[in-house]
Amino acid sequence: MEAPAPLKQPAFRSLWLAGLVSEAGDWLLFIALPIVVYRLTGSALGTSFAFLAQLAPAILLAPLAGRLADRHDRRRLMLVICGLQAISLLPLLLVNDRSGLPIIYAVIVIQSGLTALFDPAKNALLPTMVNREQLVAANSLVALNEGVARLVGGPLGGLLLVAGDLRTIVVVDALSYAAAALLIARVPRGAPRAISSDAGEGATRGTPLERSPAGARIRFLAVLRLRSIRRALALTFLADIAQGIFLVLFIVFVARRLHGGAGETGLLRGVQAVGAIGAGLALATVAHRRAPVRMLAGAALAFGAISLLIWNLPALTTAPAVYAVLFAIAGAPGVVMGTGLITFLQQAGDSSEHGRIFGALGLAENAGEAVGMIAAGVLAGPLGLGAILDLQAGIYLATGLVAVRALQGTTRRDLPRGACVSVVPAGRPK
């Protein structure tokens, strides 16, 4: 079987492998920390604070993240951030009991802020490494390695927490950042850097207003001038409300409805990678025939239907094998949604704006998750776990339906200049 075209590009291959290594380590920590917090606090609200702690810096740093990605060498920026991510994990080695909760929250905040700076640079750098027609395949491969990382890191995080302690997970994750930095260093120097749509020294330095915080906010908000981008970000916000509810209540669902522990939690989160990997492989070969935002709409509807089934099935069975299969299937629509959204935004606007576009994406994602997490932590008690989980599934269904309406109301004239024509088939509304 011939390798997908993007993997034949050495620069993309190095970036792809770096993501695989670092994300596998991240999944160890992503699974472990909420479990540790839940053990120490014993409440859904306490667990929601662990997730909420990562959202504030991501929201506040979104304009800065976009500006850094558009004004500085994206490769070098990613290298520096990888090093800082590894170092910032080390305080977790001091956590032994409930008194270590402030350390856990502080590390979550720092890691979130660094990730908020890293992701726009990565998503803006990727289109410079492959041909335009390879973008969907490249993004599906990124989603594929995220699935592999989850498959390895998710279950391993739960098992290491059962067999060992948090320290082992911290060391492994720190080493994964170091390995990722070595791979990113292999990306050729001088990758395209966009400063503004106008070349020259004046564009680099800008006017005093443009260099001021107010000017940075103006430039950040300027990417919202296109209706297609606004709609994509609005759909992202809505879907991530559901994701925020899931992140908080998934652990509670496994503990209370399925009567599982850390091992089962890690397993069910990890097996979602099975569907993710399958969807990633399929998208790498056929996604070029699909409109990215249509992919998002269909995947959101599928996500909602599968979620409704999972949340209500414990009334009939709690067999682990049944949920392993269902969570594996649920991994597929997540990859389709993410690939469609990222590809659409990479096709939008000018390359000089991609950092800000993905900074805005991070803002929409994290703001939506914050709303969902607050709702989960506050309403799970008075309304009941089942009602909130059904609401989560309903939000995904609403996202899909809203996406269909948005597609019907968007025409070719609304597409960003240079966008892929497959986003809006000829003669038909989106």
Protein backbone atom coordinates (compact mmCIF):
# COMPACT_ATOMS: atom_id res chain seq x y z
CA MET A 1 0.00 0.00 0.00
CA GLU A 2 1.44 3.37 -1.01
CA ALA A 3 1.97 5.91 1.75
CA PRO A 4 -0.39 8.93 1.71
CA ALA A 5 1.07 11.82 -0.26
CA PRO A 6 1.66 14.19 2.71
CA LEU A 7 3.91 11.62 4.42
CA LYS A 8 6.25 11.79 1.43
CA GLN A 9 7.09 15.36 2.49
CA PRO A 10 9.95 15.17 5.06
CA ALA A 11 8.90 18.37 6.84
CA PHE A 12 5.32 17.21 7.30
CA ARG A 13 6.50 13.74 8.33
CA SER A 14 8.65 15.20 11.12
CA LEU A 15 5.79 17.39 12.37
CA TRP A 16 3.40 14.44 12.22
CA LEU A 17 5.73 12.19 14.24
CA ALA A 18 6.32 14.95 16.77
CA GLY A 19 2.59 15.18 17.32
CA LEU A 20 2.29 11.43 17.71
CA VAL A 21 4.99 11.26 20.39
CA SER A 22 3.95 14.29 22.43
CA GLU A 23 0.23 13.52 22.30
CA ALA A 24 0.76 9.95 23.48
CA GLY A 25 2.47 11.41 26.55
CA ASP A 26 -0.25 14.03 26.93
CA TRP A 27 -2.95 11.38 27.00
CA LEU A 28 -1.25 9.76 29.99
CA LEU A 29 -1.61 13.03 31.88
CA PHE A 30 -5.02 13.91 30.42
CA ILE A 31 -6.47 10.69 31.79
CA ALA A 32 -4.55 10.71 35.08
CA LEU A 33 -5.04 14.26 36.40
CA PRO A 34 -8.88 14.31 36.41
CA ILE A 35 -8.87 10.90 38.10
CA VAL A 36 -6.44 12.16 40.75
CA VAL A 37 -8.55 15.27 41.34
CA TYR A 38 -11.75 13.21 41.58
CA ARG A 39 -10.07 10.90 44.11
CA LEU A 40 -8.92 13.85 46.20
CA THR A 41 -12.16 15.86 46.04
CA GLY A 42 -14.81 13.17 45.55
CA SER A 43 -17.12 15.50 43.62
CA ALA A 44 -18.13 16.37 40.07
CA LEU A 45 -17.71 20.06 40.92
CA GLY A 46 -14.14 19.51 42.06
CA THR A 47 -13.41 17.63 38.85
CA SER A 48 -14.96 20.41 36.80
CA PHE A 49 -12.52 22.88 38.41
CA ALA A 50 -9.62 20.78 37.11
CA PHE A 51 -10.92 21.18 33.58
CA LEU A 52 -11.96 24.80 34.01
CA ALA A 53 -8.45 25.66 35.17
CA GLN A 54 -7.15 24.93 31.69
CA LEU A 55 -9.68 27.14 29.91
CA ALA A 56 -8.98 30.60 31.34
CA PRO A 57 -5.41 30.91 29.99
CA ALA A 58 -6.46 29.44 26.65
CA ILE A 59 -9.19 32.07 26.31
CA LEU A 60 -7.09 34.98 27.53
CA LEU A 61 -4.08 34.07 25.41
CA ALA A 62 -5.97 33.50 22.15
CA PRO A 63 -5.17 36.94 20.64
CA LEU A 64 -1.51 36.66 21.67
CA ALA A 65 -1.27 33.13 20.28
CA GLY A 66 -2.54 34.24 16.88
CA ARG A 67 -0.22 37.24 16.81
CA LEU A 68 2.86 35.17 17.71
CA ALA A 69 2.06 32.59 15.04
CA ASP A 70 1.65 35.30 12.39
CA ARG A 71 4.69 37.42 13.31
CA HIS A 72 7.38 34.91 14.31
CA ASP A 73 9.05 31.80 12.96
CA ARG A 74 6.46 29.12 13.70
CA ARG A 75 9.01 26.28 13.86
CA ARG A 76 11.16 28.10 16.42
CA LEU A 77 8.10 29.06 18.45
CA MET A 78 7.01 25.42 18.65
CA LEU A 79 10.49 24.33 19.78
CA VAL A 80 10.55 26.83 22.64
CA ILE A 81 7.05 25.85 23.76
CA CYS A 82 7.92 22.12 23.79
CA GLY A 83 10.80 22.82 26.18
CA LEU A 84 8.62 24.91 28.47
CA GLN A 85 5.92 22.22 28.48
CA ALA A 86 8.41 19.60 29.68
CA ILE A 87 9.80 21.81 32.45
CA SER A 88 6.38 22.92 33.70
CA LEU A 89 5.37 19.31 34.47
CA LEU A 90 8.06 18.84 37.13
CA PRO A 91 6.15 20.40 40.09
CA LEU A 92 3.70 17.49 39.86
CA LEU A 93 6.46 15.31 41.31
CA LEU A 94 5.74 17.01 44.68
CA VAL A 95 2.05 15.98 44.80
CA ASN A 96 1.31 13.38 47.50
CA ASP A 97 -2.13 14.16 48.92
CA ARG A 98 -4.97 16.70 48.94
CA SER A 99 -2.53 19.47 49.87
CA GLY A 100 -1.07 19.05 46.37
CA LEU A 101 -4.28 20.20 44.64
CA PRO A 102 -2.99 23.78 44.15
CA ILE A 103 0.07 22.37 42.37
CA ILE A 104 -2.14 20.27 40.09
CA TYR A 105 -4.30 23.28 39.21
CA ALA A 106 -1.22 25.47 38.62
CA VAL A 107 0.35 22.93 36.25
CA ILE A 108 -2.94 22.55 34.40
CA VAL A 109 -3.10 26.34 33.93
CA ILE A 110 0.49 26.57 32.66
CA GLN A 111 0.13 23.59 30.33
CA SER A 112 -3.09 25.03 28.94
CA GLY A 113 -1.49 28.38 28.26
CA LEU A 114 1.45 26.79 26.45
CA THR A 115 -0.85 24.59 24.39
CA ALA A 116 -2.88 27.67 23.44
CA LEU A 117 0.32 29.20 22.05
CA PHE A 118 1.42 25.99 20.32
CA ASP A 119 -1.70 24.93 18.41
CA PRO A 120 -2.21 28.03 16.22
CA ALA A 121 1.45 27.87 15.17
CA LYS A 122 1.11 24.17 14.28
CA ASN A 123 -2.14 24.57 12.34
CA ALA A 124 -0.79 27.63 10.51
CA LEU A 125 2.50 25.90 9.68
CA LEU A 126 0.94 22.74 8.25
CA PRO A 127 -0.46 24.30 5.01
CA THR A 128 3.07 25.46 4.12
CA MET A 129 4.31 21.86 4.08
CA VAL A 130 1.89 20.23 1.64
CA ASN A 131 0.11 21.08 -1.59
CA ARG A 132 -3.35 22.60 -1.31
CA GLU A 133 -5.04 19.47 -2.64
CA GLN A 134 -3.31 17.45 0.10
CA LEU A 135 -4.69 19.51 3.00
CA VAL A 136 -7.60 17.22 3.86
CA ALA A 137 -5.35 14.16 3.73
CA ALA A 138 -2.73 15.90 5.87
CA ASN A 139 -5.28 16.92 8.50
CA SER A 140 -6.80 13.44 8.53
CA LEU A 141 -3.31 12.02 9.16
CA VAL A 142 -2.90 14.42 12.08
CA ALA A 143 -6.24 13.19 13.40
CA LEU A 144 -5.05 9.62 12.81
CA ASN A 145 -1.94 10.05 14.93
CA GLU A 146 -4.07 11.68 17.61
CA GLY A 147 -6.14 8.49 17.58
CA VAL A 148 -3.07 6.30 17.88
CA ALA A 149 -1.79 8.48 20.74
CA ARG A 150 -5.12 8.11 22.51
CA LEU A 151 -5.18 4.36 21.98
CA VAL A 152 -1.76 4.02 23.59
CA GLY A 153 -1.80 6.85 26.12
CA GLY A 154 -5.39 6.60 27.38
CA PRO A 155 -5.42 3.04 28.70
CA LEU A 156 -1.76 3.27 29.74
CA GLY A 157 -2.49 6.37 31.81
CA GLY A 158 -5.22 4.57 33.74
CA LEU A 159 -3.12 1.43 34.20
CA LEU A 160 -0.02 3.34 35.34
CA LEU A 161 -2.14 5.20 37.87
CA VAL A 162 -3.42 1.87 39.21
CA ALA A 163 -0.01 0.16 39.24
CA GLY A 164 2.20 3.11 40.11
CA ASP A 165 1.66 6.80 40.76
CA LEU A 166 1.50 10.21 39.15
CA ARG A 167 5.30 10.60 39.15
CA THR A 168 5.79 7.89 36.53
CA ILE A 169 3.28 9.56 34.24
CA VAL A 170 4.94 12.96 34.69
CA VAL A 171 8.37 11.61 33.71
CA VAL A 172 7.04 9.84 30.62
CA ASP A 173 5.14 12.93 29.47
CA ALA A 174 8.17 15.18 29.96
CA LEU A 175 10.31 12.80 27.89
CA SER A 176 7.67 12.85 25.14
CA TYR A 177 7.98 16.64 24.90
CA ALA A 178 11.74 16.34 24.59
CA ALA A 179 11.38 13.78 21.80
CA ALA A 180 8.84 15.98 20.02
CA ALA A 181 11.25 18.93 20.16
CA LEU A 182 13.97 16.84 18.51
CA LEU A 183 11.58 15.94 15.68
CA ILE A 184 10.41 19.52 15.19
CA ALA A 185 14.06 20.57 15.01
CA ARG A 186 14.29 18.43 11.85
CA VAL A 187 11.74 20.66 10.09
CA PRO A 188 13.76 22.87 7.69
CA ARG A 189 14.54 26.36 8.87
CA GLY A 190 12.94 29.32 7.21
CA ALA A 191 9.42 27.89 6.94
CA PRO A 192 7.11 30.55 5.51
CA ARG A 193 6.23 33.23 8.03
CA ALA A 194 3.36 35.57 7.38
CA ILE A 195 3.42 38.99 9.01
CA SER A 196 0.78 40.85 7.07
CA SER A 197 -0.67 40.99 3.60
CA ASP A 198 1.83 43.75 2.77
CA ALA A 199 5.53 42.92 2.53
CA GLY A 200 8.33 45.03 3.80
CA GLU A 201 9.85 46.28 7.02
CA GLY A 202 6.97 48.60 7.71
CA ALA A 203 4.58 45.65 7.70
CA THR A 204 6.75 43.89 10.25
CA ARG A 205 6.93 46.76 12.69
CA GLY A 206 3.50 48.31 12.10
CA THR A 207 2.18 51.61 13.39
CA PRO A 208 2.13 52.45 17.11
CA LEU A 209 -1.60 51.62 17.17
CA GLU A 210 -1.00 48.26 15.46
CA ARG A 211 1.72 47.42 17.98
CA SER A 212 -0.46 48.34 20.94
CA PRO A 213 -2.72 45.86 22.81
CA ALA A 214 -5.77 47.57 21.29
CA GLY A 215 -4.29 47.16 17.81
CA ALA A 216 -3.60 43.48 18.49
CA ARG A 217 -7.26 42.98 19.43
CA ILE A 218 -8.37 44.80 16.28
CA ARG A 219 -6.21 42.56 14.08
CA PHE A 220 -7.43 39.49 15.94
CA LEU A 221 -11.09 40.41 15.42
CA ALA A 222 -10.48 41.31 11.76
CA VAL A 223 -10.45 37.61 10.83
CA LEU A 224 -14.17 37.50 11.72
CA ARG A 225 -15.05 39.74 8.78
CA LEU A 226 -15.94 36.69 6.67
CA ARG A 227 -19.35 35.17 7.38
CA SER A 228 -18.08 31.67 6.62
CA ILE A 229 -15.45 31.94 9.37
CA ARG A 230 -17.95 33.37 11.84
CA ARG A 231 -20.33 30.49 11.20
CA ALA A 232 -17.62 27.87 11.54
CA LEU A 233 -16.51 29.35 14.87
CA ALA A 234 -20.11 29.56 16.10
CA LEU A 235 -20.62 25.88 15.33
CA THR A 236 -17.38 25.12 17.14
CA PHE A 237 -18.57 27.00 20.22
CA LEU A 238 -21.85 25.07 20.28
CA ALA A 239 -20.21 21.66 19.83
CA ASP A 240 -17.64 22.38 22.53
CA ILE A 241 -20.37 23.09 25.08
CA ALA A 242 -21.25 19.42 24.66
CA GLN A 243 -17.57 18.48 24.85
CA GLY A 244 -17.19 20.40 28.12
CA ILE A 245 -20.10 18.52 29.67
CA PHE A 246 -18.58 15.23 28.53
CA LEU A 247 -15.13 15.96 29.94
CA VAL A 248 -16.48 16.58 33.42
CA LEU A 249 -19.18 13.92 33.62
CA PHE A 250 -17.54 11.05 31.74
CA ILE A 251 -15.54 10.06 34.83
CA VAL A 252 -18.66 10.35 36.98
CA PHE A 253 -20.65 8.29 34.45
CA VAL A 254 -18.09 5.46 34.51
CA ALA A 255 -17.90 5.50 38.31
CA ARG A 256 -21.61 5.75 39.11
CA ARG A 257 -23.41 4.13 36.18
CA LEU A 258 -20.85 1.53 35.04
CA HIS A 259 -19.26 1.01 38.49
CA GLY A 260 -15.78 1.28 36.98
CA GLY A 261 -12.47 2.65 38.26
CA ALA A 262 -9.32 4.21 36.81
CA GLY A 263 -8.61 1.24 34.56
CA GLU A 264 -12.07 1.27 33.00
CA THR A 265 -11.96 5.06 32.60
CA GLY A 266 -8.65 4.88 30.75
CA LEU A 267 -9.83 1.97 28.62
CA LEU A 268 -13.06 3.61 27.46
CA ARG A 269 -11.34 6.91 26.66
CA GLY A 270 -8.57 5.03 24.89
CA VAL A 271 -10.73 2.79 22.70
CA GLN A 272 -12.25 5.86 21.08
CA ALA A 273 -9.00 5.84 19.14
CA VAL A 274 -10.14 2.71 17.28
CA GLY A 275 -12.90 4.62 15.52
CA ALA A 276 -10.64 7.65 15.18
CA ILE A 277 -7.95 5.63 13.43
CA GLY A 278 -10.45 4.02 11.08
CA ALA A 279 -11.99 7.38 10.22
CA GLY A 280 -8.56 8.93 9.73
CA LEU A 281 -7.51 6.21 7.29
CA ALA A 282 -10.76 6.56 5.36
CA LEU A 283 -10.54 10.34 5.20
CA ALA A 284 -6.97 10.18 3.90
CA THR A 285 -8.27 8.45 0.78
CA VAL A 286 -11.79 9.77 0.13
CA ALA A 287 -12.12 13.09 1.98
CA HIS A 288 -11.04 15.15 -1.03
CA ARG A 289 -14.50 14.41 -2.46
CA ARG A 290 -16.28 15.76 0.62
CA ALA A 291 -17.14 19.36 1.52
CA PRO A 292 -15.40 20.05 4.86
CA VAL A 293 -18.34 21.73 6.57
CA ARG A 294 -20.75 19.04 5.37
CA MET A 295 -18.44 16.56 7.07
CA LEU A 296 -18.80 18.59 10.27
CA ALA A 297 -22.61 18.59 10.10
CA GLY A 298 -22.98 14.86 9.48
CA ALA A 299 -20.45 13.98 12.15
CA ALA A 300 -22.20 16.14 14.77
CA LEU A 301 -25.52 14.39 14.10
CA ALA A 302 -23.83 10.98 14.39
CA PHE A 303 -22.10 12.04 17.60
CA GLY A 304 -25.39 13.09 19.16
CA ALA A 305 -27.14 9.84 18.26
CA ILE A 306 -24.31 7.65 19.60
CA SER A 307 -24.11 9.70 22.81
CA LEU A 308 -27.83 9.29 23.48
CA LEU A 309 -27.46 5.55 23.16
CA ILE A 310 -24.44 5.35 25.47
CA TRP A 311 -25.89 7.51 28.25
CA ASN A 312 -29.19 5.59 28.39
CA LEU A 313 -27.96 2.04 27.86
CA PRO A 314 -27.01 1.33 31.53
CA ALA A 315 -30.69 0.73 32.19
CA LEU A 316 -30.28 -2.44 30.12
CA THR A 317 -26.65 -3.44 30.58
CA THR A 318 -23.34 -2.34 32.10
CA ALA A 319 -21.23 -4.97 30.33
CA PRO A 320 -17.77 -3.43 29.72
CA ALA A 321 -17.46 -5.01 26.27
CA VAL A 322 -20.62 -3.26 25.06
CA TYR A 323 -19.34 0.17 26.07
CA ALA A 324 -15.89 -0.53 24.68
CA VAL A 325 -17.50 -1.10 21.27
CA LEU A 326 -19.74 1.98 21.53
CA PHE A 327 -16.93 4.29 22.61
CA ALA A 328 -14.77 2.93 19.82
CA ILE A 329 -17.49 3.82 17.31
CA ALA A 330 -17.85 7.27 18.90
CA GLY A 331 -14.25 8.07 18.00
CA ALA A 332 -15.05 8.25 14.29
CA PRO A 333 -17.35 11.31 14.15
CA GLY A 334 -14.92 13.27 16.32
CA VAL A 335 -12.18 12.87 13.71
CA VAL A 336 -14.53 13.76 10.87
CA MET A 337 -15.69 16.91 12.68
CA GLY A 338 -12.16 18.02 13.49
CA THR A 339 -10.77 17.34 10.04
CA GLY A 340 -13.60 19.16 8.30
CA LEU A 341 -13.30 22.20 10.56
CA ILE A 342 -9.49 22.52 10.47
CA THR A 343 -9.36 22.05 6.69
CA PHE A 344 -12.06 24.66 6.11
CA LEU A 345 -10.25 27.23 8.24
CA GLN A 346 -6.89 26.49 6.63
CA GLN A 347 -8.49 27.28 3.29
CA ALA A 348 -9.89 30.54 4.65
CA GLY A 349 -8.32 33.98 4.50
CA ASP A 350 -4.72 34.79 3.69
CA SER A 351 -1.74 32.84 5.06
CA SER A 352 -0.78 35.97 7.00
CA GLU A 353 -4.01 35.53 9.01
CA HIS A 354 -3.90 31.82 9.71
CA GLY A 355 -2.37 32.26 13.15
CA ARG A 356 -5.17 34.62 14.16
CA ILE A 357 -7.82 32.38 12.61
CA PHE A 358 -6.63 29.45 14.69
CA GLY A 359 -6.27 31.67 17.71
CA ALA A 360 -9.94 32.53 17.25
CA LEU A 361 -10.69 28.82 16.91
CA GLY A 362 -8.97 28.14 20.22
CA LEU A 363 -11.01 30.90 21.82
CA ALA A 364 -14.29 29.46 20.51
CA GLU A 365 -13.35 25.93 21.58
CA ASN A 366 -12.30 26.84 25.09
CA ALA A 367 -15.15 29.27 25.70
CA GLY A 368 -17.62 26.57 24.65
CA GLU A 369 -15.96 24.00 26.89
CA ALA A 370 -16.04 26.46 29.80
CA VAL A 371 -19.80 26.89 29.43
CA GLY A 372 -20.26 23.11 29.26
CA MET A 373 -18.04 22.42 32.25
CA ILE A 374 -19.76 25.02 34.41
CA ALA A 375 -23.14 23.57 33.43
CA ALA A 376 -21.94 20.06 34.25
CA GLY A 377 -20.48 20.98 37.62
CA VAL A 378 -23.41 23.15 38.73
CA LEU A 379 -26.41 21.30 37.27
CA ALA A 380 -25.43 17.63 37.65
CA GLY A 381 -26.53 17.67 41.30
CA PRO A 382 -29.96 19.34 41.10
CA LEU A 383 -30.99 17.98 37.68
CA GLY A 384 -29.35 14.58 37.86
CA LEU A 385 -26.54 12.97 35.89
CA GLY A 386 -28.85 11.41 33.29
CA ALA A 387 -30.57 14.67 32.37
CA ILE A 388 -27.30 16.54 31.86
CA LEU A 389 -25.84 13.74 29.74
CA ASP A 390 -28.95 13.71 27.55
CA LEU A 391 -28.59 17.48 27.20
CA GLN A 392 -25.00 16.91 26.04
CA ALA A 393 -26.18 14.56 23.30
CA GLY A 394 -28.94 17.00 22.32
CA ILE A 395 -26.40 19.81 21.86
CA TYR A 396 -24.45 17.69 19.36
CA LEU A 397 -27.67 17.02 17.47
CA ALA A 398 -28.44 20.75 17.48
CA THR A 399 -24.93 21.48 16.18
CA GLY A 400 -25.53 19.21 13.21
CA LEU A 401 -28.92 20.74 12.45
CA VAL A 402 -27.58 24.29 12.75
CA ALA A 403 -24.70 23.35 10.47
CA VAL A 404 -27.17 22.14 7.82
CA ARG A 405 -29.03 25.46 7.99
CA ALA A 406 -25.77 27.38 7.83
CA LEU A 407 -24.76 25.42 4.73
CA GLN A 408 -28.04 26.26 3.06
CA GLY A 409 -27.51 29.98 3.70
CA THR A 410 -23.92 30.24 2.43
CA THR A 411 -23.03 30.69 -1.22
CA ARG A 412 -19.82 30.80 -3.24
CA ARG A 413 -19.72 34.60 -2.91
CA ASP A 414 -19.28 34.23 0.85
CA LEU A 415 -16.26 31.92 0.62
CA PRO A 416 -12.85 33.37 1.50
CA ARG A 417 -10.70 34.26 -1.47
CA GLY A 418 -8.81 31.18 -2.59
CA ALA A 419 -10.98 28.72 -0.69
CA CYS A 420 -11.31 25.22 -2.08
CA VAL A 421 -14.23 25.04 -4.51
CA SER A 422 -15.32 21.71 -3.09
CA VAL A 423 -16.64 23.53 0.00
CA VAL A 424 -19.65 24.66 -2.04
CA PRO A 425 -20.56 22.37 -4.92
CA ALA A 426 -21.43 24.24 -8.13
CA GLY A 427 -25.03 25.32 -8.43
CA ARG A 428 -26.00 24.11 -4.97
CA PRO A 429 -26.26 25.84 -1.60
CA LYS A 430 -23.93 24.71 1.18
